[in-house]
C-alpha atoms as a PDB file:
ATOM      1  CA  MET A   1      96.959  -3.336 -40.485  1.00  0.00           C
ATOM      2  CA  TRP A   2      94.705  -2.063 -43.296  1.00  0.00           C
ATOM      3  CA  LYS A   3      97.702  -1.709 -45.594  1.00  0.00           C
ATOM      4  CA  LYS A   4      98.699  -5.330 -45.009  1.00  0.00           C
ATOM      5  CA  LEU A   5      95.397  -6.655 -46.376  1.00  0.00           C
ATOM      6  CA  SER A   6      95.180  -7.684 -50.010  1.00  0.00           C
ATOM      7  CA  ALA A   7      92.737  -6.019 -52.391  1.00  0.00           C
ATOM      8  CA  ARG A   8      90.572  -9.137 -52.262  1.00  0.00           C
ATOM      9  CA  GLN A   9      90.421  -9.061 -48.446  1.00  0.00           C
ATOM     10  CA  LYS A  10      89.575  -5.345 -48.486  1.00  0.00           C
ATOM     11  CA  MET A  11      86.768  -5.995 -50.984  1.00  0.00           C
ATOM     12  CA  PHE A  12      85.452  -8.833 -48.806  1.00  0.00           C
ATOM     13  CA  PHE A  13      85.521  -6.525 -45.774  1.00  0.00           C
ATOM     14  CA  TRP A  14      83.542  -3.809 -47.583  1.00  0.00           C
ATOM     15  CA  VAL A  15      80.995  -6.265 -48.958  1.00  0.00           C
ATOM     16  CA  ALA A  16      80.531  -7.785 -45.492  1.00  0.00           C
ATOM     17  CA  ALA A  17      80.129  -4.321 -43.973  1.00  0.00           C
ATOM     18  CA  LEU A  18      77.582  -3.385 -46.629  1.00  0.00           C
ATOM     19  CA  VAL A  19      75.627  -6.604 -46.074  1.00  0.00           C
ATOM     20  CA  LEU A  20      75.569  -6.001 -42.318  1.00  0.00           C
ATOM     21  CA  LEU A  21      74.383  -2.436 -42.871  1.00  0.00           C
ATOM     22  CA  VAL A  22      71.611  -3.548 -45.225  1.00  0.00           C
ATOM     23  CA  VAL A  23      70.486  -6.281 -42.817  1.00  0.00           C
ATOM     24  CA  ALA A  24      70.498  -3.827 -39.913  1.00  0.00           C
ATOM     25  CA  VAL A  25      68.436  -1.277 -41.854  1.00  0.00           C
ATOM     26  CA  LEU A  26      66.068  -3.619 -43.701  1.00  0.00           C
ATOM     27  CA  GLY A  27      65.777  -6.282 -41.027  1.00  0.00           C
ATOM     28  CA  ASN A  28      63.487  -4.150 -38.907  1.00  0.00           C
ATOM     29  CA  SER A  29      61.569  -3.050 -41.994  1.00  0.00           C
ATOM     30  CA  LEU A  30      60.977  -6.644 -43.055  1.00  0.00           C
ATOM     31  CA  TYR A  31      59.745  -7.486 -39.567  1.00  0.00           C
ATOM     32  CA  SER A  32      57.426  -4.473 -39.644  1.00  0.00           C
ATOM     33  CA  LEU A  33      56.171  -5.487 -43.088  1.00  0.00           C
ATOM     34  CA  GLY A  34      55.270  -8.970 -41.866  1.00  0.00           C
ATOM     35  CA  HIS A  35      53.625  -7.562 -38.755  1.00  0.00           C
ATOM     36  CA  ASN A  36      51.658  -5.031 -40.810  1.00  0.00           C
ATOM     37  CA  LYS A  37      50.440  -7.712 -43.234  1.00  0.00           C
ATOM     38  CA  ALA A  38      49.161  -9.780 -40.307  1.00  0.00           C
ATOM     39  CA  GLU A  39      47.454  -6.706 -38.846  1.00  0.00           C
ATOM     40  CA  ILE A  40      45.822  -5.894 -42.197  1.00  0.00           C
ATOM     41  CA  HIS A  41      44.464  -9.450 -42.437  1.00  0.00           C
ATOM     42  CA  ARG A  42      43.102  -9.288 -38.883  1.00  0.00           C
ATOM     43  CA  LEU A  43      41.406  -5.963 -39.616  1.00  0.00           C
ATOM     44  CA  GLN A  44      39.919  -7.235 -42.879  1.00  0.00           C
ATOM     45  CA  VAL A  45      38.384 -10.209 -41.056  1.00  0.00           C
ATOM     46  CA  ARG A  46      37.020  -7.829 -38.419  1.00  0.00           C
ATOM     47  CA  GLU A  47      35.629  -5.543 -41.133  1.00  0.00           C
ATOM     48  CA  VAL A  48      33.702  -8.425 -42.728  1.00  0.00           C
ATOM     49  CA  ARG A  49      32.270  -9.436 -39.347  1.00  0.00           C
ATOM     50  CA  LEU A  50      31.273  -5.850 -38.557  1.00  0.00           C
ATOM     51  CA  GLU A  51      29.617  -5.417 -41.964  1.00  0.00           C
ATOM     52  CA  LYS A  52      27.530  -8.552 -41.329  1.00  0.00           C
ATOM     53  CA  ASP A  53      26.575  -7.278 -37.881  1.00  0.00           C
ATOM     54  CA  TYR A  54      25.676  -3.898 -39.362  1.00  0.00           C
ATOM     55  CA  GLU A  55      23.393  -5.463 -41.984  1.00  0.00           C
ATOM     56  CA  ARG A  56      21.741  -7.679 -39.360  1.00  0.00           C
ATOM     57  CA  LEU A  57      21.142  -4.686 -37.084  1.00  0.00           C
ATOM     58  CA  LYS A  58      19.795  -2.617 -39.982  1.00  0.00           C
ATOM     59  CA  GLU A  59      17.271  -5.362 -40.749  1.00  0.00           C
ATOM     60  CA  GLU A  60      16.278  -5.624 -37.097  1.00  0.00           C
ATOM     61  CA  LEU A  61      15.831  -1.854 -36.884  1.00  0.00           C
ATOM     62  CA  ALA A  62      13.605  -1.898 -39.961  1.00  0.00           C
ATOM     63  CA  LYS A  63      11.477  -4.647 -38.414  1.00  0.00           C
ATOM     64  CA  LEU A  64      11.226  -2.688 -35.167  1.00  0.00           C
ATOM     65  CA  LYS A  65      10.148   0.413 -37.065  1.00  0.00           C
ATOM     66  CA  GLU A  66       7.473  -1.670 -38.818  1.00  0.00           C
ATOM     67  CA  GLN A  67       6.495  -3.038 -35.400  1.00  0.00           C
ATOM     68  CA  ASP A  68       6.732  -6.583 -36.689  1.00  0.00           C
ATOM     69  CA  PRO A  69       4.917  -8.702 -34.047  1.00  0.00           C
ATOM     70  CA  ALA A  70       7.318 -11.644 -34.215  1.00  0.00           C
ATOM     71  CA  THR A  71      10.335  -9.362 -33.747  1.00  0.00           C
ATOM     72  CA  LEU A  72       8.719  -7.514 -30.849  1.00  0.00           C
ATOM     73  CA  GLU A  73       7.800 -10.809 -29.172  1.00  0.00           C
ATOM     74  CA  ARG A  74      11.316 -12.207 -29.591  1.00  0.00           C
ATOM     75  CA  ILE A  75      12.869  -9.108 -28.036  1.00  0.00           C
ATOM     76  CA  ALA A  76      10.330  -9.041 -25.207  1.00  0.00           C
ATOM     77  CA  ARG A  77      11.033 -12.693 -24.385  1.00  0.00           C
ATOM     78  CA  THR A  78      14.834 -12.665 -24.714  1.00  0.00           C
ATOM     79  CA  GLN A  79      15.784  -9.235 -23.416  1.00  0.00           C
ATOM     80  CA  TYR A  80      13.008  -8.575 -20.901  1.00  0.00           C
ATOM     81  CA  ASN A  81      12.101 -12.146 -19.833  1.00  0.00           C
ATOM     82  CA  MET A  82       8.440 -11.516 -20.587  1.00  0.00           C
ATOM     83  CA  ILE A  83       5.887 -14.285 -21.044  1.00  0.00           C
ATOM     84  CA  LYS A  84       2.435 -14.369 -22.599  1.00  0.00           C
ATOM     85  CA  LYS A  85      -0.643 -14.278 -20.455  1.00  0.00           C
ATOM     86  CA  GLY A  86      -1.458 -17.807 -19.318  1.00  0.00           C
ATOM     87  CA  GLU A  87       2.091 -19.145 -19.869  1.00  0.00           C
ATOM     88  CA  THR A  88       4.128 -20.572 -17.020  1.00  0.00           C
ATOM     89  CA  GLU A  89       7.809 -19.839 -16.813  1.00  0.00           C
ATOM     90  CA  PHE A  90      10.139 -22.571 -15.610  1.00  0.00           C
ATOM     91  CA  ARG A  91      13.604 -21.704 -14.347  1.00  0.00           C
ATOM     92  CA  PHE A  92      16.159 -24.393 -13.725  1.00  0.00           C
ATOM     93  CA  ALA A  93      19.100 -24.040 -11.366  1.00  0.00           C
ATOM     94  CA  THR A  94      22.513 -24.434 -12.903  1.00  0.00           C
ATOM     95  CA  ASP A  95      25.586 -25.955 -11.275  1.00  0.00           C
ATOM     96  CA  ASP A  96      27.709 -22.856 -11.903  1.00  0.00           C
END
């Protein structure tokens, strides 16, 4: 059968085989490249957010070390539900 094909048909066969081989080899690589680019973008966004959080926490730590009264009061009220002497705390039921 191979001998019955013309030189043009044989060339077409080899080109088609080569194209299929390249697509099979590079197809997965191109998919991985796209996936990796998306992952890099996601990690860069996360890095920016973490850097902002880090700076915010560094500032809060510095204020805590200075014993800044406003910072200490905010933490006492939000994290420990503390109130000042003479204040009345109101709690409202939620429909959850």
